[in-house]
Protein backbone atom coordinates (compact mmCIF):
# COMPACT_ATOMS: atom_id res chain seq x y z
CA MET A 1 0.00 0.00 0.00
CA GLU A 2 1.18 3.47 -0.81
CA LEU A 3 1.35 6.45 1.54
CA SER A 4 -0.93 9.23 0.31
CA GLU A 5 -3.50 11.71 1.60
CA HIS A 6 -6.36 10.04 3.47
CA THR A 7 -4.26 6.98 4.33
CA VAL A 8 -4.56 5.30 7.72
CA VAL A 9 -1.07 4.72 9.13
CA ILE A 10 0.74 3.62 12.28
CA ALA A 11 3.35 6.16 13.41
CA LYS A 12 4.86 7.75 16.50
CA VAL A 13 2.60 10.71 17.35
CA VAL A 14 3.52 13.33 19.97
CA TYR A 15 1.12 13.84 22.91
CA ALA A 16 -1.00 17.00 22.77
CA ASP A 17 0.83 18.43 25.81
CA GLY A 18 4.25 17.68 24.31
CA THR A 19 5.35 15.45 27.21
CA GLY A 20 6.08 12.40 25.08
CA SER A 21 4.83 10.32 22.22
CA LYS A 22 3.04 7.08 21.42
CA VAL A 23 2.97 4.72 18.46
CA ARG A 24 -0.65 4.91 17.32
CA PRO A 25 -2.92 4.97 14.30
CA ALA A 26 -3.17 8.29 12.49
CA PHE A 27 -5.02 9.66 9.48
CA VAL A 28 -2.95 11.48 6.84
CA ILE A 29 -4.39 14.90 5.95
CA ALA A 30 -1.54 16.15 3.76
CA LEU A 31 2.06 15.31 2.98
CA ASP A 32 5.12 16.68 1.27
CA ASP A 33 8.74 15.53 1.04
CA LYS A 34 9.48 15.96 4.75
CA VAL A 35 6.31 16.47 6.79
CA ILE A 36 3.19 14.36 7.08
CA LYS A 37 0.23 16.23 8.58
CA THR A 38 -2.10 13.88 10.49
CA TYR A 39 -5.04 13.58 12.83
CA ARG A 40 -4.78 11.02 15.61
CA ILE A 41 -7.08 8.01 15.54
CA THR A 42 -8.49 6.79 18.85
CA SER A 43 -10.71 4.03 20.15
CA GLN A 44 -11.45 6.07 23.30
CA TYR A 45 -14.75 7.91 22.90
CA GLU A 46 -17.30 7.12 25.59
CA ASN A 47 -15.72 9.07 28.47
CA LYS A 48 -14.91 12.23 26.51
CA SER A 49 -16.68 15.57 27.00
CA GLU A 50 -19.50 16.51 24.63
CA TYR A 51 -17.24 19.15 23.06
CA ILE A 52 -14.50 16.61 22.31
CA LYS A 53 -17.06 14.08 21.03
CA SER A 54 -18.33 16.72 18.61
CA LYS A 55 -14.82 16.85 17.08
CA TYR A 56 -14.46 13.07 16.73
CA PHE A 57 -15.40 11.44 13.42
CA GLU A 58 -16.46 7.80 13.66
CA ILE A 59 -14.88 5.45 11.12
CA ILE A 60 -17.77 3.10 10.31
CA ASP A 61 -15.76 0.76 8.08
CA TYR A 62 -12.83 0.55 10.48
CA ILE A 63 -11.80 -2.97 9.45
CA GLU A 64 -11.51 -1.86 5.81
CA ALA A 65 -9.31 1.00 7.05
CA GLY A 66 -6.95 -1.55 8.63
CA LEU A 67 -8.05 -0.95 12.22
CA ARG A 68 -8.89 -3.70 14.72
CA LYS A 69 -11.54 -1.95 16.77
CA ARG A 70 -14.15 0.77 16.54
CA SER A 71 -12.27 4.02 16.02
CA TRP A 72 -12.65 7.78 15.64
CA ILE A 73 -10.55 10.42 13.87
CA ASP A 74 -9.70 13.13 16.42
CA THR A 75 -10.00 16.41 14.49
CA VAL A 76 -9.31 18.65 17.51
CA GLN A 77 -5.68 19.22 16.48
CA ALA A 78 -3.47 18.22 13.55
CA TYR A 79 -0.02 16.78 14.23
CA ASN A 80 3.07 16.93 12.03
CA ILE A 81 5.23 13.84 11.65
CA ASP A 82 8.77 14.16 10.29
CA SER A 83 8.92 11.46 7.63
CA ASP A 84 12.74 11.35 7.81
CA LYS A 85 12.75 10.57 11.54
CA THR A 86 9.67 8.38 11.98
CA LYS A 87 8.90 4.89 10.76
CA ILE A 88 5.46 4.89 9.15
CA ARG A 89 3.45 1.84 8.16
CA VAL A 90 0.33 2.07 5.99
CA LEU A 91 -2.64 0.17 7.45
CA GLY A 92 -5.33 0.99 4.91
CA TYR A 93 -7.69 3.56 3.49
CA LEU A 94 -11.11 4.93 4.40
CA SER A 95 -14.02 3.34 2.55
CA ALA A 96 -15.79 5.45 -0.08
CA ARG A 97 -18.71 6.07 2.27
CA ASP A 98 -16.42 7.10 5.14
CA GLU A 99 -14.57 9.47 2.77
CA VAL A 100 -17.85 11.19 1.85
CA ARG A 101 -18.98 11.32 5.48
CA LEU A 102 -15.62 12.75 6.60
CA GLN A 103 -15.77 15.51 4.00
CA GLU A 104 -19.27 16.47 5.17
CA PHE A 105 -18.19 16.29 8.83
CA LEU A 106 -15.18 18.57 8.28
CA GLU A 107 -17.33 21.11 6.43
CA GLN A 108 -19.78 21.20 9.36
CA ILE A 109 -17.19 21.75 12.09
CA GLU A 110 -15.21 24.47 10.30
């Protein structure tokens, strides 16, 4: 599988507070020669605040995307990954229906 926009990957993503990092699934928003811009993917949803939940996009066809459990794209903040310093593995791609739903979701929250 090839790395491109809207790819689901596994990569080391820095914590929001900058105190460390974690190898986790991420969704590629954009990429160039050096930097890959991503949203984190999480399986943690139920205990989040209503505000945070409103920024999470559910991936319905998560197995097709290469994920093992029900997951959400966290659109609260984008994260940059340095492609020269981080090992990245492609897991899969969003289904056609999830692609359409994501586009509509992003238009609503902007």
